[in-house]
């Protein structure tokens, strides 16, 4: 059985690290690639490309999405475990 609290914090750590890496990668792009990358980030609630409040709002959104993913994944995993009969 997976623990939702433990798995949730691992998901938050992974999702936030990926968020930071994607932000850094977006700063390296130019032209149409940068425009596409920036517009994809704007799908996060409250995000506009590179200002401090927006980065924090994006991180908060990623935090919430990570917990939703973790709760769903743990529920699916734990519900699918076949209990052996003795």
N, C-alpha and C. Protein backbone atom coordinates (compact mmCIF):
# COMPACT_ATOMS: atom_id res chain seq x y z
N UNK A 1 0.85 -1.19 0.00
CA UNK A 1 0.00 0.00 0.00
C UNK A 1 0.89 1.25 0.00
N UNK A 2 0.57 2.16 -0.88
CA UNK A 2 1.30 3.43 -0.92
C UNK A 2 0.72 4.41 0.09
N UNK A 3 1.57 5.23 0.66
CA UNK A 3 1.14 6.29 1.55
C UNK A 3 0.91 7.55 0.72
N UNK A 4 -0.29 8.11 0.79
CA UNK A 4 -0.59 9.29 -0.03
C UNK A 4 0.23 10.50 0.42
N UNK A 5 0.51 10.61 1.71
CA UNK A 5 1.29 11.75 2.19
C UNK A 5 2.73 11.69 1.68
N UNK A 6 3.35 10.54 1.81
CA UNK A 6 4.74 10.38 1.36
C UNK A 6 4.85 10.52 -0.16
N UNK A 7 3.97 9.83 -0.89
CA UNK A 7 4.00 9.89 -2.35
C UNK A 7 3.68 11.30 -2.83
N UNK A 8 2.76 11.97 -2.14
CA UNK A 8 2.40 13.35 -2.51
C UNK A 8 3.58 14.30 -2.43
N UNK A 9 4.37 14.19 -1.36
CA UNK A 9 5.52 15.08 -1.25
C UNK A 9 6.60 14.75 -2.27
N UNK A 10 6.75 13.48 -2.63
CA UNK A 10 7.68 13.12 -3.70
C UNK A 10 7.21 13.70 -5.04
N UNK A 11 5.91 13.65 -5.29
CA UNK A 11 5.38 14.24 -6.52
C UNK A 11 5.59 15.75 -6.55
N UNK A 12 5.36 16.41 -5.43
CA UNK A 12 5.57 17.85 -5.36
C UNK A 12 7.03 18.17 -5.66
N UNK A 13 7.95 17.44 -5.05
CA UNK A 13 9.36 17.66 -5.29
C UNK A 13 9.71 17.49 -6.77
N UNK A 14 9.24 16.43 -7.37
CA UNK A 14 9.53 16.17 -8.78
C UNK A 14 8.89 17.18 -9.71
N UNK A 15 7.62 17.52 -9.47
CA UNK A 15 6.92 18.46 -10.33
C UNK A 15 7.53 19.86 -10.23
N UNK A 16 7.89 20.28 -9.01
CA UNK A 16 8.47 21.61 -8.84
C UNK A 16 9.87 21.68 -9.46
N UNK A 17 10.65 20.61 -9.36
CA UNK A 17 11.96 20.58 -10.01
C UNK A 17 11.81 20.67 -11.52
N UNK A 18 10.86 19.95 -12.08
CA UNK A 18 10.61 20.01 -13.51
C UNK A 18 10.13 21.40 -13.93
N UNK A 19 9.29 22.01 -13.12
CA UNK A 19 8.81 23.39 -13.37
C UNK A 19 10.00 24.35 -13.44
N UNK A 20 10.92 24.25 -12.49
CA UNK A 20 12.09 25.13 -12.47
C UNK A 20 12.98 24.89 -13.69
N UNK A 21 13.18 23.63 -14.05
CA UNK A 21 13.99 23.32 -15.23
C UNK A 21 13.35 23.85 -16.51
N UNK A 22 12.04 23.74 -16.62
CA UNK A 22 11.35 24.26 -17.80
C UNK A 22 11.42 25.78 -17.87
N UNK A 23 11.33 26.45 -16.72
CA UNK A 23 11.49 27.91 -16.71
C UNK A 23 12.89 28.30 -17.18
N UNK A 24 13.89 27.61 -16.67
CA UNK A 24 15.27 27.91 -17.06
C UNK A 24 15.48 27.65 -18.55
N UNK A 25 14.94 26.56 -19.06
CA UNK A 25 15.08 26.24 -20.47
C UNK A 25 14.40 27.32 -21.33
N UNK A 26 13.26 27.81 -20.87
CA UNK A 26 12.55 28.85 -21.61
C UNK A 26 13.34 30.13 -21.75
N UNK A 27 14.22 30.39 -20.80
CA UNK A 27 15.06 31.60 -20.89
C UNK A 27 16.14 31.45 -21.95
N UNK A 28 16.47 30.23 -22.33
CA UNK A 28 17.51 29.99 -23.33
C UNK A 28 16.99 30.03 -24.76
N UNK A 29 15.68 29.96 -24.94
CA UNK A 29 15.10 29.89 -26.27
C UNK A 29 14.96 31.28 -26.89
N UNK A 30 14.84 31.29 -28.22
CA UNK A 30 14.63 32.55 -28.95
C UNK A 30 13.66 32.29 -30.10
N UNK A 31 13.04 33.33 -30.58
CA UNK A 31 12.19 33.25 -31.77
C UNK A 31 10.89 32.51 -31.53
N UNK A 32 10.48 31.74 -32.55
CA UNK A 32 9.19 31.03 -32.49
C UNK A 32 9.18 29.96 -31.41
N UNK A 33 10.32 29.34 -31.16
CA UNK A 33 10.40 28.32 -30.10
C UNK A 33 10.11 28.95 -28.74
N UNK A 34 10.65 30.14 -28.52
CA UNK A 34 10.41 30.83 -27.25
C UNK A 34 8.94 31.23 -27.13
N UNK A 35 8.35 31.71 -28.20
CA UNK A 35 6.95 32.11 -28.17
C UNK A 35 6.05 30.92 -27.85
N UNK A 36 6.34 29.76 -28.45
CA UNK A 36 5.55 28.56 -28.17
C UNK A 36 5.73 28.12 -26.72
N UNK A 37 6.97 28.10 -26.25
CA UNK A 37 7.27 27.68 -24.89
C UNK A 37 6.56 28.60 -23.88
N UNK A 38 6.62 29.89 -24.12
CA UNK A 38 6.00 30.86 -23.21
C UNK A 38 4.48 30.71 -23.23
N UNK A 39 3.90 30.48 -24.40
CA UNK A 39 2.45 30.34 -24.46
C UNK A 39 1.98 29.06 -23.77
N UNK A 40 2.80 28.01 -23.80
CA UNK A 40 2.44 26.79 -23.07
C UNK A 40 2.44 27.03 -21.56
N UNK A 41 3.37 27.82 -21.08
CA UNK A 41 3.41 28.15 -19.65
C UNK A 41 2.18 28.95 -19.24
N UNK A 42 1.65 29.74 -20.15
CA UNK A 42 0.50 30.57 -19.82
C UNK A 42 -0.78 29.76 -19.65
N UNK A 43 -0.71 28.43 -19.87
CA UNK A 43 -1.84 27.57 -19.56
C UNK A 43 -1.99 27.37 -18.06
N UNK A 44 -0.92 27.64 -17.30
CA UNK A 44 -1.01 27.58 -15.84
C UNK A 44 -1.83 28.77 -15.35
N UNK A 45 -2.72 28.56 -14.39
CA UNK A 45 -3.54 29.66 -13.89
C UNK A 45 -2.69 30.80 -13.31
N UNK A 46 -2.95 32.01 -13.74
CA UNK A 46 -2.28 33.18 -13.20
C UNK A 46 -0.87 33.41 -13.69
N UNK A 47 -0.44 32.70 -14.73
CA UNK A 47 0.95 32.80 -15.19
C UNK A 47 1.04 33.72 -16.40
N UNK A 48 1.93 34.70 -16.31
CA UNK A 48 2.36 35.47 -17.47
C UNK A 48 3.88 35.39 -17.46
N UNK A 49 4.49 35.37 -18.61
CA UNK A 49 5.90 35.02 -18.70
C UNK A 49 6.80 35.96 -17.90
N UNK A 50 7.56 35.41 -17.04
CA UNK A 50 8.64 35.93 -16.22
C UNK A 50 8.34 37.27 -15.53
N UNK A 51 7.61 37.14 -14.45
CA UNK A 51 7.59 38.16 -13.40
C UNK A 51 7.44 37.39 -12.09
N UNK A 52 7.89 37.96 -11.01
CA UNK A 52 8.02 37.24 -9.74
C UNK A 52 6.68 36.68 -9.25
N UNK A 53 5.64 37.48 -9.30
CA UNK A 53 4.34 37.01 -8.84
C UNK A 53 3.81 35.87 -9.69
N UNK A 54 4.08 35.94 -10.97
CA UNK A 54 3.64 34.91 -11.89
C UNK A 54 4.36 33.59 -11.63
N UNK A 55 5.65 33.65 -11.35
CA UNK A 55 6.42 32.44 -11.07
C UNK A 55 5.91 31.77 -9.80
N UNK A 56 5.60 32.57 -8.80
CA UNK A 56 5.06 32.02 -7.55
C UNK A 56 3.67 31.43 -7.77
N UNK A 57 2.83 32.12 -8.55
CA UNK A 57 1.50 31.60 -8.86
C UNK A 57 1.61 30.29 -9.64
N UNK A 58 2.54 30.22 -10.58
CA UNK A 58 2.76 28.99 -11.33
C UNK A 58 3.22 27.85 -10.43
N UNK A 59 4.13 28.16 -9.50
CA UNK A 59 4.61 27.14 -8.57
C UNK A 59 3.48 26.65 -7.67
N UNK A 60 2.60 27.56 -7.27
CA UNK A 60 1.45 27.16 -6.45
C UNK A 60 0.51 26.26 -7.25
N UNK A 61 0.30 26.59 -8.51
CA UNK A 61 -0.52 25.75 -9.38
C UNK A 61 0.07 24.38 -9.57
N UNK A 62 1.37 24.31 -9.78
CA UNK A 62 2.07 23.03 -9.93
C UNK A 62 1.95 22.22 -8.64
N UNK A 63 2.05 22.88 -7.48
CA UNK A 63 1.91 22.22 -6.19
C UNK A 63 0.54 21.54 -6.08
N UNK A 64 -0.50 22.28 -6.44
CA UNK A 64 -1.86 21.73 -6.37
C UNK A 64 -2.03 20.57 -7.35
N UNK A 65 -1.55 20.74 -8.58
CA UNK A 65 -1.67 19.68 -9.57
C UNK A 65 -0.90 18.43 -9.14
N UNK A 66 0.25 18.62 -8.50
CA UNK A 66 1.05 17.48 -8.03
C UNK A 66 0.29 16.69 -6.97
N UNK A 67 -0.37 17.38 -6.04
CA UNK A 67 -1.14 16.69 -5.01
C UNK A 67 -2.34 15.98 -5.60
N UNK A 68 -3.01 16.60 -6.56
CA UNK A 68 -4.15 15.94 -7.21
C UNK A 68 -3.68 14.67 -7.90
N UNK A 69 -2.57 14.76 -8.63
CA UNK A 69 -2.01 13.59 -9.30
C UNK A 69 -1.65 12.51 -8.28
N UNK A 70 -1.00 12.90 -7.19
CA UNK A 70 -0.57 11.93 -6.18
C UNK A 70 -1.77 11.22 -5.54
N UNK A 71 -2.78 11.98 -5.16
CA UNK A 71 -3.96 11.36 -4.55
C UNK A 71 -4.62 10.38 -5.51
N UNK A 72 -4.75 10.76 -6.77
CA UNK A 72 -5.37 9.88 -7.75
C UNK A 72 -4.52 8.63 -7.97
N UNK A 73 -3.22 8.81 -8.13
CA UNK A 73 -2.33 7.68 -8.38
C UNK A 73 -2.33 6.71 -7.21
N UNK A 74 -2.25 7.22 -5.99
CA UNK A 74 -2.24 6.36 -4.80
C UNK A 74 -3.57 5.63 -4.69
N UNK A 75 -4.66 6.31 -4.93
CA UNK A 75 -5.97 5.66 -4.87
C UNK A 75 -6.07 4.54 -5.90
N UNK A 76 -5.63 4.82 -7.15
CA UNK A 76 -5.68 3.79 -8.19
C UNK A 76 -4.77 2.60 -7.83
N UNK A 77 -3.59 2.89 -7.33
CA UNK A 77 -2.65 1.82 -6.98
C UNK A 77 -3.20 0.97 -5.84
N UNK A 78 -3.62 1.63 -4.78
CA UNK A 78 -4.11 0.88 -3.60
C UNK A 78 -5.42 0.14 -3.90
N UNK A 79 -6.26 0.70 -4.76
CA UNK A 79 -7.51 0.02 -5.10
C UNK A 79 -7.27 -1.19 -5.99
N UNK A 80 -6.17 -1.22 -6.70
CA UNK A 80 -5.91 -2.31 -7.63
C UNK A 80 -5.17 -3.50 -7.00
N UNK A 81 -4.75 -3.34 -5.77
CA UNK A 81 -4.04 -4.43 -5.09
C UNK A 81 -5.04 -5.54 -4.76
N UNK A 82 -4.71 -6.73 -5.20
CA UNK A 82 -5.57 -7.88 -4.94
C UNK A 82 -5.21 -8.44 -3.57
N UNK A 83 -6.21 -8.50 -2.71
CA UNK A 83 -5.97 -9.03 -1.36
C UNK A 83 -6.12 -10.54 -1.41
N UNK A 84 -5.11 -11.23 -0.88
CA UNK A 84 -5.15 -12.68 -0.89
C UNK A 84 -6.05 -13.20 0.23
N UNK A 85 -6.77 -14.24 -0.08
CA UNK A 85 -7.63 -14.86 0.93
C UNK A 85 -6.90 -16.01 1.59
N UNK A 86 -6.98 -16.10 2.92
CA UNK A 86 -6.28 -17.17 3.65
C UNK A 86 -7.25 -18.20 4.13
